[in-house]
Amino acid sequence: MKTSNLIHISLGSNVGNRLEHIQKAVDAIYNTIGDVVNISSVYQTPAWGFSSDDFYNICIALHTFYSSSEVLEKLLSIENSLGRNRTNGSGYEARTIDLDIVFSSEGVIDTEKLKIPHPSMQDRKFVLIPLSEIAGNIEHPVFKNTVSCLLEETIDESEVVKLEYRLENPKEKYALSEIQYLTIEGNIGAGKTSLANLIAQEFNAKLVLERFADNPFLPKFYENMERYAFPLEMSFLADRYQRLQDDIAQFDLFKDFVVSDYDVFKSLIFAQVTLQEDEYVLYKKVFDIMYKDLPKPGLYVYLYQNTERLLENIKKRGRAYEQKIPAEYLNKINKGYLQFIKSQVSHTVKIIDISDKDFVNSRTDYLWVLNQIINE
């Protein structure tokens, strides 16, 4: 997974419907840049440095895979889409929306286009007050003082009024926690672990991941499938059963939101492809005993990718023992999953074709997948 940056942004508006402009900006930031993890209250503040109508101001905290300079370019684009026209002249002016990066986990940045921390934040209550609400303990990397201390020491004597308005966090519309137990499944290289990680981080879910890398039979299996199929599948079954028993038992499925990148039923799907007939009969007897005791997901999502794309992904992630996986094997696994899905009456199942999507590198594609999950 990519490294996520934590960025704090100041938003303000003093033209037209100020609250609507700020909400649209927050929505656009979520849709194009990253996860809005915190939103301050709305504060009414006098225009700073010029005579004009009062501003509405907030601060937000944002997790994003973009760099600070990339975020700046996207913020400028959002400003432009909301009617903000930055002029090259000196001085301050009224504006439909003003978006400024205050802090970044990348630290101090000092370029012609971008300066972080914001060089004037310590002298502006309209930044310090909403920022202290959501990030009061963050230390200014230059002044070595927390935001709360900077607020106490600021020379700005402006009157700032906290309003009753509350902005909506755009991710609340997805309500994934109502699913309670979400399983993300897919073929080898489909991206199930990446998606499970993204959802867990953004929606504060308990994450249950498969430990495929720890299986000593896996590299041997890809060298000699017939010889090592049975011990591989039995070891996977035992480990998946034990992990789900241990991990899910820790959680209250009525209170916690759990997301997993596998369901134990995949053991039977792979076993059907890899085992000899007599081996499979024995394997299924053991599987049936184990499976009936396990909690079942509230929603089972199958990420479908065509075989060509799967092979590209497998090559890209570079695990040496996977590079010899034949296309025929992947086709059989896909068919096994689809047969399982068609046979299900007790599971709520969704198949999402992501063959032309890249939800790891594209925020738009990631949100498209989320919409597919929640839509009936």
Protein backbone atom coordinates (compact mmCIF):
# COMPACT_ATOMS: atom_id res chain seq x y z
CA MET A 1 0.00 0.00 0.00
CA LYS A 2 1.07 3.58 -0.61
CA THR A 3 2.01 5.87 2.26
CA SER A 4 -0.86 8.07 3.40
CA ASN A 5 -0.25 11.75 4.15
CA LEU A 6 -2.17 13.63 6.83
CA ILE A 7 -2.98 17.13 5.66
CA HIS A 8 -4.89 19.90 7.46
CA ILE A 9 -6.74 22.40 5.29
CA SER A 10 -8.36 25.74 6.13
CA LEU A 11 -11.58 26.56 4.23
CA GLY A 12 -13.34 29.91 4.10
CA SER A 13 -16.07 31.74 2.18
CA ASN A 14 -17.62 35.23 2.36
CA VAL A 15 -19.58 35.46 -0.88
CA GLY A 16 -23.11 34.19 -1.56
CA ASN A 17 -24.26 31.07 0.27
CA ARG A 18 -21.13 30.64 2.36
CA LEU A 19 -22.15 27.36 4.02
CA GLU A 20 -23.07 25.79 0.68
CA HIS A 21 -19.75 26.81 -0.86
CA ILE A 22 -17.81 25.24 2.01
CA GLN A 23 -19.88 22.03 1.91
CA LYS A 24 -19.33 21.72 -1.84
CA ALA A 25 -15.60 22.20 -1.30
CA VAL A 26 -15.51 19.48 1.38
CA ASP A 27 -17.43 17.13 -0.94
CA ALA A 28 -15.04 17.85 -3.81
CA ILE A 29 -11.99 17.29 -1.60
CA TYR A 30 -13.38 13.92 -0.48
CA ASN A 31 -14.27 12.90 -4.04
CA THR A 32 -10.96 13.86 -5.66
CA ILE A 33 -8.23 13.97 -3.01
CA GLY A 34 -8.83 11.65 -0.05
CA ASP A 35 -10.59 10.66 3.14
CA VAL A 36 -11.92 13.53 5.24
CA VAL A 37 -11.22 12.22 8.73
CA ASN A 38 -12.32 15.25 10.76
CA ILE A 39 -14.31 18.46 10.26
CA SER A 40 -14.33 21.34 12.70
CA SER A 41 -17.32 23.44 13.69
CA VAL A 42 -18.21 26.45 11.53
CA TYR A 43 -16.93 29.82 12.76
CA GLN A 44 -17.94 33.31 11.68
CA THR A 45 -14.98 35.65 11.47
CA PRO A 46 -14.41 39.20 10.25
CA ALA A 47 -12.63 39.72 6.93
CA TRP A 48 -8.90 39.75 7.64
CA GLY A 49 -6.82 42.50 6.01
CA PHE A 50 -9.63 44.14 4.03
CA SER A 51 -13.19 45.45 4.40
CA SER A 52 -15.87 42.97 3.35
CA ASP A 53 -18.63 40.66 4.62
CA ASP A 54 -17.78 38.21 7.38
CA PHE A 55 -16.30 34.83 6.52
CA TYR A 56 -17.45 31.38 7.47
CA ASN A 57 -14.36 29.27 8.28
CA ILE A 58 -13.62 25.65 9.12
CA CYS A 59 -10.62 23.31 9.15
CA ILE A 60 -10.53 19.69 8.05
CA ALA A 61 -8.09 16.81 8.47
CA LEU A 62 -7.47 14.72 5.36
CA HIS A 63 -5.78 11.39 4.66
CA THR A 64 -4.52 11.23 1.09
CA PHE A 65 -2.09 9.27 -1.06
CA TYR A 66 -1.21 12.46 -2.95
CA SER A 67 1.79 14.63 -2.12
CA SER A 68 1.26 18.11 -0.68
CA SER A 69 2.15 19.74 -4.01
CA GLU A 70 -0.37 17.49 -5.81
CA VAL A 71 -3.00 18.39 -3.20
CA LEU A 72 -2.33 22.08 -3.81
CA GLU A 73 -2.98 21.72 -7.54
CA LYS A 74 -6.24 19.88 -6.86
CA LEU A 75 -7.35 22.50 -4.33
CA LEU A 76 -6.74 25.26 -6.89
CA SER A 77 -8.86 23.32 -9.37
CA ILE A 78 -11.67 22.98 -6.80
CA GLU A 79 -11.51 26.72 -6.08
CA ASN A 80 -11.81 27.45 -9.77
CA SER A 81 -14.79 25.08 -10.17
CA LEU A 82 -16.56 26.92 -7.33
CA GLY A 83 -16.07 30.35 -8.87
CA ARG A 84 -12.88 31.49 -7.16
CA ASN A 85 -10.66 33.51 -9.47
CA ARG A 86 -7.28 34.15 -7.93
CA THR A 87 -5.76 37.43 -9.12
CA ASN A 88 -2.12 38.27 -9.49
CA GLY A 89 -2.57 41.62 -7.79
CA SER A 90 -1.52 42.29 -4.19
CA GLY A 91 -3.94 42.48 -1.26
CA TYR A 92 -6.92 40.48 -0.05
CA GLU A 93 -10.35 40.15 -1.63
CA ALA A 94 -13.76 38.59 -1.14
CA ARG A 95 -14.04 35.03 -2.42
CA THR A 96 -16.56 32.25 -2.89
CA ILE A 97 -14.07 29.75 -1.47
CA ASP A 98 -10.56 29.86 -0.09
CA LEU A 99 -8.61 26.63 0.42
CA ASP A 100 -5.20 26.67 2.12
CA ILE A 101 -2.94 23.87 3.31
CA VAL A 102 -1.98 24.57 6.92
CA PHE A 103 -0.05 21.42 7.95
CA SER A 104 1.23 18.31 6.19
CA SER A 105 2.78 15.13 7.58
CA GLU A 106 5.49 15.69 4.97
CA GLY A 107 6.79 18.41 7.29
CA VAL A 108 8.23 21.76 6.28
CA ILE A 109 7.91 22.67 2.60
CA ASP A 110 9.28 25.94 1.25
CA THR A 111 8.92 26.44 -2.49
CA GLU A 112 7.80 29.30 -4.68
CA LYS A 113 4.29 27.81 -5.00
CA LEU A 114 3.85 26.13 -1.63
CA LYS A 115 4.87 26.95 1.93
CA ILE A 116 3.97 24.55 4.76
CA PRO A 117 3.18 25.22 7.56
CA HIS A 118 1.14 28.16 6.34
CA PRO A 119 3.43 31.12 7.10
CA SER A 120 0.70 33.29 8.68
CA MET A 121 -1.36 30.71 10.55
CA GLN A 122 -0.01 31.76 13.99
CA ASP A 123 -1.44 35.27 13.49
CA ARG A 124 -4.91 34.26 12.36
CA LYS A 125 -7.64 33.20 14.74
CA PHE A 126 -9.86 32.12 11.84
CA VAL A 127 -7.33 29.35 11.26
CA LEU A 128 -6.16 28.64 14.81
CA ILE A 129 -9.58 28.29 16.45
CA PRO A 130 -11.10 25.66 14.09
CA LEU A 131 -7.70 23.95 13.79
CA SER A 132 -7.31 23.73 17.59
CA GLU A 133 -10.69 22.01 17.74
CA ILE A 134 -9.52 19.06 15.61
CA ALA A 135 -5.72 19.21 15.97
CA GLY A 136 -4.94 21.13 19.14
CA ASN A 137 -2.05 18.85 20.13
CA ILE A 138 -0.25 18.93 16.79
CA GLU A 139 3.12 20.67 17.10
CA HIS A 140 4.17 23.39 14.69
CA PRO A 141 7.40 22.03 13.17
CA VAL A 142 9.08 25.46 13.17
CA PHE A 143 7.83 27.12 16.36
CA LYS A 144 7.84 23.83 18.33
CA ASN A 145 4.56 24.81 19.95
CA THR A 146 1.18 23.08 19.75
CA VAL A 147 -1.73 24.64 17.91
CA SER A 148 -3.47 25.21 21.25
CA CYS A 149 -0.44 27.13 22.56
CA LEU A 150 -0.22 29.19 19.38
CA LEU A 151 -3.87 30.14 19.84
CA GLU A 152 -3.19 31.30 23.41
CA GLU A 153 -0.22 33.39 22.26
CA THR A 154 -1.59 34.86 19.00
CA ILE A 155 -1.57 38.64 18.50
CA ASP A 156 -4.85 38.45 16.55
CA GLU A 157 -7.66 40.00 18.59
CA SER A 158 -10.46 39.35 16.08
CA GLU A 159 -13.86 38.28 17.41
CA VAL A 160 -14.64 34.75 16.28
CA VAL A 161 -18.14 33.30 16.78
CA LYS A 162 -18.91 29.58 16.75
CA LEU A 163 -22.07 28.87 14.77
CA GLU A 164 -24.66 26.14 15.23
CA TYR A 165 -24.24 24.84 11.67
CA ARG A 166 -22.64 21.46 11.21
CA LEU A 167 -21.21 20.25 7.92
CA GLU A 168 -21.77 16.73 6.63
CA ASN A 169 -18.85 14.39 6.12
CA PRO A 170 -19.34 12.98 2.58
CA LYS A 171 -18.34 9.46 3.59
CA GLU A 172 -21.31 9.18 5.95
CA LYS A 173 -23.55 8.45 2.96
CA TYR A 174 -21.85 5.08 2.44
CA ALA A 175 -22.91 3.69 5.86
CA LEU A 176 -20.73 0.61 5.39
CA SER A 177 -20.73 -0.08 9.13
CA GLU A 178 -24.37 -1.16 8.80
CA ILE A 179 -23.10 -4.25 6.95
CA GLN A 180 -21.23 -5.19 10.16
CA TYR A 181 -19.22 -8.01 8.54
CA LEU A 182 -17.98 -7.40 4.99
CA THR A 183 -15.98 -9.97 3.04
CA ILE A 184 -13.99 -8.91 -0.02
CA GLU A 185 -13.13 -11.89 -2.21
CA GLY A 186 -11.56 -12.41 -5.62
CA ASN A 187 -9.11 -14.41 -7.69
CA ILE A 188 -5.33 -14.25 -7.22
CA GLY A 189 -4.27 -10.67 -8.02
CA ALA A 190 -7.80 -9.23 -8.04
CA GLY A 191 -6.98 -6.60 -5.40
CA LYS A 192 -9.09 -7.91 -2.51
CA THR A 193 -6.46 -7.18 0.15
CA SER A 194 -5.83 -3.67 -1.18
CA LEU A 195 -9.55 -2.85 -1.13
CA ALA A 196 -10.03 -4.35 2.34
CA ASN A 197 -7.16 -2.21 3.64
CA LEU A 198 -8.57 0.97 2.06
CA ILE A 199 -12.05 0.39 3.47
CA ALA A 200 -10.75 -0.52 6.93
CA GLN A 201 -8.65 2.63 7.11
CA GLU A 202 -11.35 4.97 5.84
CA PHE A 203 -14.26 3.54 7.83
CA ASN A 204 -12.39 2.53 11.00
CA ALA A 205 -13.14 -1.15 10.52
CA LYS A 206 -11.55 -4.13 12.22
CA LEU A 207 -9.36 -5.77 9.56
CA VAL A 208 -8.95 -9.53 9.12
CA LEU A 209 -6.37 -10.53 6.51
CA GLU A 210 -5.30 -13.89 5.17
CA ARG A 211 -1.77 -15.05 6.03
CA PHE A 212 -0.92 -16.60 2.67
CA ALA A 213 2.72 -15.49 2.85
CA ASP A 214 3.32 -17.67 5.92
CA ASN A 215 2.28 -20.92 4.21
CA PRO A 216 5.39 -23.07 3.56
CA PHE A 217 3.57 -25.20 0.98
CA LEU A 218 2.63 -22.32 -1.34
CA PRO A 219 5.95 -21.92 -3.25
CA LYS A 220 6.22 -25.72 -3.51
CA PHE A 221 2.67 -25.94 -4.87
CA TYR A 222 3.40 -23.62 -7.77
CA GLU A 223 6.41 -25.78 -8.64
CA ASN A 224 4.52 -29.09 -8.38
CA MET A 225 0.74 -28.63 -8.05
CA GLU A 226 -0.24 -32.30 -8.07
CA ARG A 227 2.14 -33.29 -5.28
CA TYR A 228 1.54 -30.40 -2.90
CA ALA A 229 -2.14 -29.61 -3.52
CA PHE A 230 -3.56 -31.63 -0.62
CA PRO A 231 -1.17 -30.45 2.13
CA LEU A 232 -1.51 -26.88 0.83
CA GLU A 233 -5.30 -26.89 0.90
CA MET A 234 -5.47 -28.61 4.29
CA SER A 235 -3.02 -26.13 5.82
CA PHE A 236 -4.95 -23.19 4.35
CA LEU A 237 -8.24 -24.58 5.63
CA ALA A 238 -6.89 -25.05 9.15
CA ASP A 239 -5.33 -21.60 9.22
CA ARG A 240 -8.38 -19.80 7.78
CA TYR A 241 -10.70 -21.57 10.21
CA GLN A 242 -8.49 -20.82 13.21
CA ARG A 243 -7.96 -17.19 12.24
CA LEU A 244 -11.63 -16.49 11.68
CA GLN A 245 -12.52 -18.24 14.93
CA ASP A 246 -9.94 -16.22 16.85
CA ASP A 247 -10.33 -12.86 15.11
CA ILE A 248 -14.10 -12.70 14.74
CA ALA A 249 -14.54 -13.91 18.32
CA GLN A 250 -12.78 -10.72 19.48
CA PHE A 251 -15.42 -8.52 17.89
CA ASP A 252 -19.03 -7.81 18.65
CA LEU A 253 -20.61 -8.04 15.20
CA PHE A 254 -23.52 -5.95 16.46
CA LYS A 255 -21.19 -3.08 17.42
CA ASP A 256 -18.00 -3.46 15.38
CA PHE A 257 -17.56 -3.14 11.63
CA VAL A 258 -15.34 -5.98 10.40
CA VAL A 259 -13.84 -6.29 6.92
CA SER A 260 -12.00 -9.37 5.73
CA ASP A 261 -10.11 -10.14 2.53
CA TYR A 262 -11.26 -13.77 2.49
CA ASP A 263 -14.03 -16.16 3.40
CA VAL A 264 -13.23 -19.71 4.45
CA PHE A 265 -15.42 -21.00 1.60
CA LYS A 266 -12.58 -20.10 -0.76
CA SER A 267 -10.85 -23.21 0.60
CA LEU A 268 -13.49 -25.39 -1.02
CA ILE A 269 -13.33 -23.43 -4.29
CA PHE A 270 -9.58 -23.86 -4.61
CA ALA A 271 -9.76 -27.48 -3.47
CA GLN A 272 -12.21 -28.30 -6.25
CA VAL A 273 -9.67 -27.06 -8.76
CA THR A 274 -6.49 -28.50 -7.27
CA LEU A 275 -7.39 -31.82 -5.62
CA GLN A 276 -7.89 -35.28 -7.02
CA GLU A 277 -11.42 -36.65 -6.70
CA ASP A 278 -10.75 -38.93 -3.73
CA GLU A 279 -8.75 -36.19 -1.98
CA TYR A 280 -11.59 -33.73 -2.49
CA VAL A 281 -14.18 -36.10 -0.95
CA LEU A 282 -12.08 -36.36 2.23
CA TYR A 283 -11.35 -32.64 2.21
CA LYS A 284 -15.03 -31.69 1.92
CA LYS A 285 -15.96 -33.82 4.94
CA VAL A 286 -13.48 -31.87 7.07
CA PHE A 287 -14.58 -28.58 5.52
CA ASP A 288 -18.29 -29.14 6.22
CA ILE A 289 -17.58 -29.80 9.91
CA MET A 290 -15.60 -26.58 10.23
CA TYR A 291 -17.73 -24.30 8.07
CA LYS A 292 -20.99 -24.68 9.99
CA ASP A 293 -19.41 -23.16 13.13
CA LEU A 294 -18.12 -19.97 11.51
CA PRO A 295 -19.91 -16.60 11.39
CA LYS A 296 -21.13 -15.69 7.91
CA PRO A 297 -20.55 -12.25 6.34
CA GLY A 298 -23.37 -9.73 6.09
CA LEU A 299 -22.21 -8.99 2.54
CA TYR A 300 -19.94 -11.05 0.30
CA VAL A 301 -18.29 -9.00 -2.46
CA TYR A 302 -16.54 -10.74 -5.33
CA LEU A 303 -14.10 -8.61 -7.31
CA TYR A 304 -14.03 -9.91 -10.85
CA GLN A 305 -11.08 -9.19 -13.12
CA ASN A 306 -10.44 -10.81 -16.48
CA THR A 307 -7.54 -13.25 -16.67
CA GLU A 308 -5.31 -10.91 -18.68
CA ARG A 309 -5.61 -8.22 -16.01
CA LEU A 310 -4.99 -10.76 -13.23
CA LEU A 311 -1.75 -11.87 -14.87
CA GLU A 312 -0.66 -8.23 -15.21
CA ASN A 313 -1.32 -7.61 -11.53
CA ILE A 314 0.49 -10.78 -10.48
CA LYS A 315 3.52 -9.77 -12.55
CA LYS A 316 3.44 -6.23 -11.17
CA ARG A 317 3.47 -7.24 -7.51
CA GLY A 318 6.49 -9.43 -8.18
CA ARG A 319 6.10 -12.46 -5.91
CA ALA A 320 8.56 -14.91 -7.41
CA TYR A 321 6.56 -18.07 -6.65
CA GLU A 322 3.45 -16.65 -8.41
CA GLN A 323 5.08 -15.83 -11.73
CA LYS A 324 4.51 -19.30 -13.17
CA ILE A 325 0.76 -19.38 -12.46
CA PRO A 326 -0.91 -20.43 -15.75
CA ALA A 327 -3.88 -18.57 -17.20
CA GLU A 328 -5.83 -21.85 -17.24
CA TYR A 329 -5.53 -22.15 -13.44
CA LEU A 330 -6.88 -18.61 -12.94
CA ASN A 331 -9.78 -19.35 -15.30
CA LYS A 332 -10.71 -22.42 -13.25
CA ILE A 333 -10.60 -20.41 -10.02
CA ASN A 334 -12.88 -17.75 -11.52
CA LYS A 335 -15.35 -20.40 -12.62
CA GLY A 336 -15.24 -21.99 -9.16
CA TYR A 337 -16.09 -18.70 -7.48
CA LEU A 338 -18.93 -17.97 -9.91
CA GLN A 339 -20.42 -21.44 -9.37
CA PHE A 340 -20.26 -20.91 -5.60
CA ILE A 341 -21.93 -17.51 -5.90
CA LYS A 342 -24.76 -18.87 -8.07
CA SER A 343 -25.45 -21.58 -5.49
CA GLN A 344 -25.76 -19.21 -2.54
CA VAL A 345 -29.12 -18.59 -0.94
CA SER A 346 -27.95 -17.67 2.59
CA HIS A 347 -25.30 -15.11 1.56
CA THR A 348 -25.91 -11.61 0.22
CA VAL A 349 -23.48 -11.56 -2.70
CA LYS A 350 -22.37 -8.86 -5.12
CA ILE A 351 -20.13 -9.34 -8.14
CA ILE A 352 -18.25 -6.18 -9.12
CA ASP A 353 -16.40 -6.18 -12.42
CA ILE A 354 -13.25 -4.10 -11.87
CA SER A 355 -11.39 -5.17 -15.02
CA ASP A 356 -11.17 -1.56 -16.20
CA LYS A 357 -10.79 0.02 -12.73
CA ASP A 358 -7.74 0.98 -10.66
CA PHE A 359 -9.12 1.76 -7.21
CA VAL A 360 -5.65 1.87 -5.63
CA ASN A 361 -4.38 4.75 -7.76
CA SER A 362 -7.67 6.43 -8.70
CA ARG A 363 -9.88 8.01 -6.05
CA THR A 364 -12.70 8.11 -8.62
CA ASP A 365 -12.48 4.35 -9.21
CA TYR A 366 -12.33 3.64 -5.47
CA LEU A 367 -15.51 5.64 -4.82
CA TRP A 368 -17.14 3.89 -7.79
CA VAL A 369 -16.47 0.56 -6.08
CA LEU A 370 -17.92 1.86 -2.79
CA ASN A 371 -21.07 2.92 -4.63
CA GLN A 372 -21.37 -0.55 -6.15
CA ILE A 373 -21.13 -2.07 -2.66
CA ILE A 374 -23.90 0.04 -1.13
CA ASN A 375 -26.29 0.22 -4.08
CA GLU A 376 -29.15 -2.25 -4.13
